[in-house]
């Protein structure tokens, strides 16, 4: 049973890391290079789509890691899982306090109704997102290391 929990947790977090890494280093730069407001349209659609899915994914990954940490508290590697869970808590806190407020504004934007500082808001979101990606990559790395 513990092996299944370890695999499910690692795969769930690993796929989430892949999506978030892709958004940071591929999708958003591609959208930024599109002419006119096409990139902005992509980002607003992404804010709606991923904004609906990611809360469940982040919380789900955190819950799985926490259950793993409790279930394996007396085994080798438990400390790594606890640190990974703490990093996932940090990622959720960062999301709620820093990224979600910007995302909630972005998903309502239209080309006709953009705020004057929309580019600065996008850049700010991107900077916070890079840090969040680093945090969840570290958490994923710790979980994989705990498996070894």
C-alpha atoms as a PDB file:
ATOM      1  CA  UNK A   1       0.000   0.000   0.000  1.00  0.00           C
ATOM      2  CA  UNK A   2       2.818   2.397   0.877  1.00  0.00           C
ATOM      3  CA  UNK A   3       4.504   1.720  -2.456  1.00  0.00           C
ATOM      4  CA  UNK A   4       1.327   2.681  -4.311  1.00  0.00           C
ATOM      5  CA  UNK A   5       1.073   5.898  -2.283  1.00  0.00           C
ATOM      6  CA  UNK A   6       4.698   6.746  -3.088  1.00  0.00           C
ATOM      7  CA  UNK A   7       4.185   6.164  -6.804  1.00  0.00           C
ATOM      8  CA  UNK A   8       0.868   8.031  -6.998  1.00  0.00           C
ATOM      9  CA  UNK A   9       2.303  10.993  -5.074  1.00  0.00           C
ATOM     10  CA  UNK A  10       5.468  11.138  -7.150  1.00  0.00           C
ATOM     11  CA  UNK A  11       3.639  10.847 -10.467  1.00  0.00           C
ATOM     12  CA  UNK A  12       0.978  13.394  -9.460  1.00  0.00           C
ATOM     13  CA  UNK A  13       3.580  15.933  -8.395  1.00  0.00           C
ATOM     14  CA  UNK A  14       5.850  15.102 -11.323  1.00  0.00           C
ATOM     15  CA  UNK A  15       3.150  15.781 -13.884  1.00  0.00           C
ATOM     16  CA  UNK A  16       2.242  19.028 -12.109  1.00  0.00           C
ATOM     17  CA  UNK A  17       5.893  20.086 -12.151  1.00  0.00           C
ATOM     18  CA  UNK A  18       6.019  19.323 -15.869  1.00  0.00           C
ATOM     19  CA  UNK A  19       2.953  21.442 -16.573  1.00  0.00           C
ATOM     20  CA  UNK A  20       4.168  24.372 -14.481  1.00  0.00           C
ATOM     21  CA  UNK A  21       7.690  24.160 -15.946  1.00  0.00           C
ATOM     22  CA  UNK A  22       6.197  24.116 -19.426  1.00  0.00           C
ATOM     23  CA  UNK A  23       4.040  27.169 -18.683  1.00  0.00           C
ATOM     24  CA  UNK A  24       7.031  29.088 -17.322  1.00  0.00           C
ATOM     25  CA  UNK A  25       9.638  28.232 -19.921  1.00  0.00           C
ATOM     26  CA  UNK A  26       7.686  27.412 -23.081  1.00  0.00           C
ATOM     27  CA  UNK A  27       4.020  28.417 -23.177  1.00  0.00           C
ATOM     28  CA  UNK A  28       4.289  31.961 -21.807  1.00  0.00           C
ATOM     29  CA  UNK A  29       7.361  32.849 -23.907  1.00  0.00           C
ATOM     30  CA  UNK A  30       5.577  31.507 -27.010  1.00  0.00           C
ATOM     31  CA  UNK A  31       2.470  33.532 -26.188  1.00  0.00           C
ATOM     32  CA  UNK A  32       4.591  36.633 -25.584  1.00  0.00           C
ATOM     33  CA  UNK A  33       5.976  36.307 -29.109  1.00  0.00           C
ATOM     34  CA  UNK A  34       2.600  36.230 -30.841  1.00  0.00           C
ATOM     35  CA  UNK A  35       1.473  39.319 -32.741  1.00  0.00           C
ATOM     36  CA  UNK A  36      -1.245  41.644 -31.514  1.00  0.00           C
ATOM     37  CA  UNK A  37      -3.347  40.531 -28.597  1.00  0.00           C
ATOM     38  CA  UNK A  38      -3.127  36.830 -29.423  1.00  0.00           C
ATOM     39  CA  UNK A  39      -0.650  36.149 -26.617  1.00  0.00           C
ATOM     40  CA  UNK A  40      -2.841  37.995 -24.147  1.00  0.00           C
ATOM     41  CA  UNK A  41      -5.849  35.961 -25.262  1.00  0.00           C
ATOM     42  CA  UNK A  42      -3.858  32.792 -24.650  1.00  0.00           C
ATOM     43  CA  UNK A  43      -2.832  33.929 -21.198  1.00  0.00           C
ATOM     44  CA  UNK A  44      -6.370  34.883 -20.179  1.00  0.00           C
ATOM     45  CA  UNK A  45      -7.678  31.532 -21.414  1.00  0.00           C
ATOM     46  CA  UNK A  46      -4.834  29.761 -19.584  1.00  0.00           C
ATOM     47  CA  UNK A  47      -5.623  31.727 -16.428  1.00  0.00           C
ATOM     48  CA  UNK A  48      -9.200  30.471 -16.562  1.00  0.00           C
ATOM     49  CA  UNK A  49      -8.375  26.865 -17.448  1.00  0.00           C
ATOM     50  CA  UNK A  50      -5.358  26.289 -15.219  1.00  0.00           C
ATOM     51  CA  UNK A  51      -6.800  28.521 -12.508  1.00  0.00           C
ATOM     52  CA  UNK A  52      -9.687  26.064 -12.228  1.00  0.00           C
ATOM     53  CA  UNK A  53      -7.512  22.928 -12.144  1.00  0.00           C
ATOM     54  CA  UNK A  54      -4.368  23.906 -10.271  1.00  0.00           C
ATOM     55  CA  UNK A  55      -5.877  24.458  -6.801  1.00  0.00           C
ATOM     56  CA  UNK A  56      -6.979  20.812  -6.724  1.00  0.00           C
ATOM     57  CA  UNK A  57      -3.645  19.646  -8.107  1.00  0.00           C
ATOM     58  CA  UNK A  58      -1.570  21.640  -5.615  1.00  0.00           C
ATOM     59  CA  UNK A  59      -3.715  20.702  -2.613  1.00  0.00           C
ATOM     60  CA  UNK A  60      -3.957  17.092  -3.788  1.00  0.00           C
ATOM     61  CA  UNK A  61      -0.173  16.816  -4.133  1.00  0.00           C
ATOM     62  CA  UNK A  62       0.264  18.344  -0.697  1.00  0.00           C
ATOM     63  CA  UNK A  63      -2.243  15.944   0.893  1.00  0.00           C
ATOM     64  CA  UNK A  64      -0.599  12.945  -0.767  1.00  0.00           C
ATOM     65  CA  UNK A  65       2.862  14.055   0.402  1.00  0.00           C
ATOM     66  CA  UNK A  66       1.565  14.657   3.934  1.00  0.00           C
ATOM     67  CA  UNK A  67      -0.032  11.206   4.072  1.00  0.00           C
ATOM     68  CA  UNK A  68       3.219   9.701   2.794  1.00  0.00           C
ATOM     69  CA  UNK A  69       5.194  11.611   5.445  1.00  0.00           C
ATOM     70  CA  UNK A  70       2.930  10.352   8.233  1.00  0.00           C
ATOM     71  CA  UNK A  71       2.823   6.778   6.923  1.00  0.00           C
ATOM     72  CA  UNK A  72       6.596   6.610   6.583  1.00  0.00           C
ATOM     73  CA  UNK A  73       7.572   8.640   9.646  1.00  0.00           C
ATOM     74  CA  UNK A  74       9.742   5.835  11.067  1.00  0.00           C
ATOM     75  CA  UNK A  75      11.458   4.859   7.793  1.00  0.00           C
ATOM     76  CA  UNK A  76      14.539   6.083   5.969  1.00  0.00           C
ATOM     77  CA  UNK A  77      13.774   9.052   3.782  1.00  0.00           C
ATOM     78  CA  UNK A  78      10.905  10.306   5.930  1.00  0.00           C
ATOM     79  CA  UNK A  79      12.725  13.568   6.578  1.00  0.00           C
ATOM     80  CA  UNK A  80      12.968  14.202   2.848  1.00  0.00           C
ATOM     81  CA  UNK A  81       9.242  13.635   2.442  1.00  0.00           C
ATOM     82  CA  UNK A  82       8.492  16.009   5.322  1.00  0.00           C
ATOM     83  CA  UNK A  83      10.672  18.706   3.737  1.00  0.00           C
ATOM     84  CA  UNK A  84       8.975  18.093   0.378  1.00  0.00           C
ATOM     85  CA  UNK A  85       5.570  18.497   2.040  1.00  0.00           C
ATOM     86  CA  UNK A  86       6.773  21.736   3.684  1.00  0.00           C
ATOM     87  CA  UNK A  87       7.861  23.015   0.272  1.00  0.00           C
ATOM     88  CA  UNK A  88       4.448  22.131  -1.111  1.00  0.00           C
ATOM     89  CA  UNK A  89       2.867  24.114   1.716  1.00  0.00           C
ATOM     90  CA  UNK A  90       5.096  27.019   0.714  1.00  0.00           C
ATOM     91  CA  UNK A  91       3.982  26.649  -2.910  1.00  0.00           C
ATOM     92  CA  UNK A  92       0.318  26.767  -1.881  1.00  0.00           C
ATOM     93  CA  UNK A  93       0.887  29.828   0.314  1.00  0.00           C
ATOM     94  CA  UNK A  94       2.787  31.543  -2.514  1.00  0.00           C
ATOM     95  CA  UNK A  95      -0.022  30.703  -4.901  1.00  0.00           C
ATOM     96  CA  UNK A  96      -2.768  32.051  -2.667  1.00  0.00           C
ATOM     97  CA  UNK A  97      -0.949  35.214  -1.597  1.00  0.00           C
ATOM     98  CA  UNK A  98       1.009  36.135  -4.735  1.00  0.00           C
ATOM     99  CA  UNK A  99      -0.162  34.417  -7.899  1.00  0.00           C
ATOM    100  CA  UNK A 100      -3.907  33.859  -7.508  1.00  0.00           C
ATOM    101  CA  UNK A 101      -4.749  37.557  -7.018  1.00  0.00           C
ATOM    102  CA  UNK A 102      -2.989  38.417 -10.293  1.00  0.00           C
ATOM    103  CA  UNK A 103      -4.478  35.373 -12.033  1.00  0.00           C
ATOM    104  CA  UNK A 104      -7.988  36.382 -10.943  1.00  0.00           C
ATOM    105  CA  UNK A 105      -7.518  39.769 -12.587  1.00  0.00           C
ATOM    106  CA  UNK A 106      -5.943  38.325 -15.749  1.00  0.00           C
ATOM    107  CA  UNK A 107      -8.759  35.880 -16.431  1.00  0.00           C
ATOM    108  CA  UNK A 108     -11.223  38.784 -16.674  1.00  0.00           C
ATOM    109  CA  UNK A 109      -9.147  40.896 -19.065  1.00  0.00           C
ATOM    110  CA  UNK A 110     -10.224  41.611 -22.616  1.00  0.00           C
ATOM    111  CA  UNK A 111      -8.255  43.382 -25.329  1.00  0.00           C
ATOM    112  CA  UNK A 112     -10.644  46.313 -24.996  1.00  0.00           C
ATOM    113  CA  UNK A 113     -10.431  46.551 -21.209  1.00  0.00           C
ATOM    114  CA  UNK A 114      -6.786  46.161 -20.268  1.00  0.00           C
ATOM    115  CA  UNK A 115      -5.351  48.001 -17.270  1.00  0.00           C
ATOM    116  CA  UNK A 116      -2.513  50.392 -18.055  1.00  0.00           C
ATOM    117  CA  UNK A 117      -0.027  48.237 -16.133  1.00  0.00           C
ATOM    118  CA  UNK A 118      -1.045  44.884 -17.624  1.00  0.00           C
ATOM    119  CA  UNK A 119       2.468  44.065 -18.859  1.00  0.00           C
ATOM    120  CA  UNK A 120       3.943  44.790 -15.433  1.00  0.00           C
ATOM    121  CA  UNK A 121       1.323  42.531 -13.837  1.00  0.00           C
ATOM    122  CA  UNK A 122       2.185  39.740 -16.285  1.00  0.00           C
ATOM    123  CA  UNK A 123       5.896  40.168 -15.582  1.00  0.00           C
ATOM    124  CA  UNK A 124       5.244  40.107 -11.845  1.00  0.00           C
ATOM    125  CA  UNK A 125       3.184  36.915 -12.179  1.00  0.00           C
ATOM    126  CA  UNK A 126       5.962  35.351 -14.266  1.00  0.00           C
ATOM    127  CA  UNK A 127       8.635  36.183 -11.655  1.00  0.00           C
ATOM    128  CA  UNK A 128       6.553  34.701  -8.836  1.00  0.00           C
ATOM    129  CA  UNK A 129       5.818  31.673 -11.006  1.00  0.00           C
ATOM    130  CA  UNK A 130       9.542  31.035 -11.652  1.00  0.00           C
ATOM    131  CA  UNK A 131      10.105  30.936  -7.893  1.00  0.00           C
ATOM    132  CA  UNK A 132       7.114  28.651  -7.377  1.00  0.00           C
ATOM    133  CA  UNK A 133       8.404  26.310 -10.099  1.00  0.00           C
ATOM    134  CA  UNK A 134      11.770  26.147  -8.327  1.00  0.00           C
ATOM    135  CA  UNK A 135       9.990  25.283  -5.063  1.00  0.00           C
ATOM    136  CA  UNK A 136       7.917  22.459  -6.564  1.00  0.00           C
ATOM    137  CA  UNK A 137      10.908  21.113  -8.523  1.00  0.00           C
ATOM    138  CA  UNK A 138      12.799  20.941  -5.217  1.00  0.00           C
ATOM    139  CA  UNK A 139       9.846  19.148  -3.593  1.00  0.00           C
ATOM    140  CA  UNK A 140       9.663  16.677  -6.474  1.00  0.00           C
ATOM    141  CA  UNK A 141      13.412  16.059  -6.303  1.00  0.00           C
ATOM    142  CA  UNK A 142      13.158  15.311  -2.587  1.00  0.00           C
ATOM    143  CA  UNK A 143      10.319  12.833  -3.132  1.00  0.00           C
ATOM    144  CA  UNK A 144      12.242  11.033  -5.862  1.00  0.00           C
ATOM    145  CA  UNK A 145      15.330  10.958  -3.632  1.00  0.00           C
ATOM    146  CA  UNK A 146      13.238   9.525  -0.782  1.00  0.00           C
ATOM    147  CA  UNK A 147      12.254   6.670  -3.087  1.00  0.00           C
ATOM    148  CA  UNK A 148      15.898   5.777  -3.751  1.00  0.00           C
END
